[in-house]
Amino acid sequence: MTPSAVSQQISKFERAVDTRLFDRHARGLTVTSDARDLGQRLALAFDIVEKAMENLIEERASGPVRLRIYQTWATRWLIPRLTHLHEKRPDVRVQFETGMQQAEFNRSGLDFAVQFIPRPQPDLLVVPLFPQVLVPVCAPAIAAGIQAPEMLSKHPLISSANRMEDWQIWFGAMKLADTAPKAQLVFSNSTLAYQAALAGSGIVIAQAHLIEQEIAAGMLVAPFPIGVHSGQVIGLVEPAGRRLRAAARAFKDWILAEAPSPDHVPDFLTEIRRACPATSQTE
């Protein structure tokens, strides 16, 4: 800015507040008492702003890592592993929030989200964690009487209200889309749907990576261990270009180490088929 432009801005400010900031004379300018008083007051105000910014930066650096995740993935995959995080990094604090909506990083203050990967977006950095593989599972007593996929409909089919297309996807891969029955027991989320299957209420269409422990323990059985890859992948999402603070970097390293390779297939599955199109996108 030129000296002339600065002079014009000062004159404009003086007219706006109806106060002279400088006494003008042949030898130059002299600061008025009003200007000195204003300068002192503004200095105090700028000190307050500077301190507030320092506090914000410090709080951001030392605050908890904020993660948004689907409730079912939090309950069945993440929470059982949190002891590993505490053992390795007891200094890292994590604040969780659950929901089905895609994370809005600009307004939420989130560090990460674990969610189905949206369409490529230049402002997001995504690391794949798991493919979405669907498989019907049920209690052992129910599985004993099922010899063919067509016989699944003899029992109540269970689904999450957020994933109503999953049965259609699986039956479609079995070449049974035209005769696929609809779910008869529909719960508000997959956590409840899986619990119903554990209680012997019917057969649930499950995400294979979320029921591996129950399969290994014999609590659930896959009558037909054929997984269907819906085409979607769940991943760790963060804003692109954001410099990670130390706690966030430690959490990211930990969760990526906990996850298997993105092409991991649960051991209990004997075959993986692909389905197209896949439209389910929530928990």
Foldseek 3Di string as FASTA:
>chain_A
DDPVVVVVVQVVVCVVVVHDQWDQDDVGTDGDPVVVVVVVVVVVVVVVVVVVVVVVVVCLQQPAAEEEEAPLCCVQPVVVCVVVVCVVCVSHHYDYDYDWDDDDCVPPVHFKYWFWDDDDDPFKDKDFFAFFKKAKKAFPVVLVPDDDPVCQVVAAEEEEPLAQCLQLQVCVLVVNNVPGDGHPHYHNDVVVRVVCRLVGRGMYTDRVVRCLVCCVVNSMDGSALEIEGQVITITMMGTPPDDDRPSSVSVVVVVNVSGDPHPDDRPSHPYYHYGPNHDRIGD
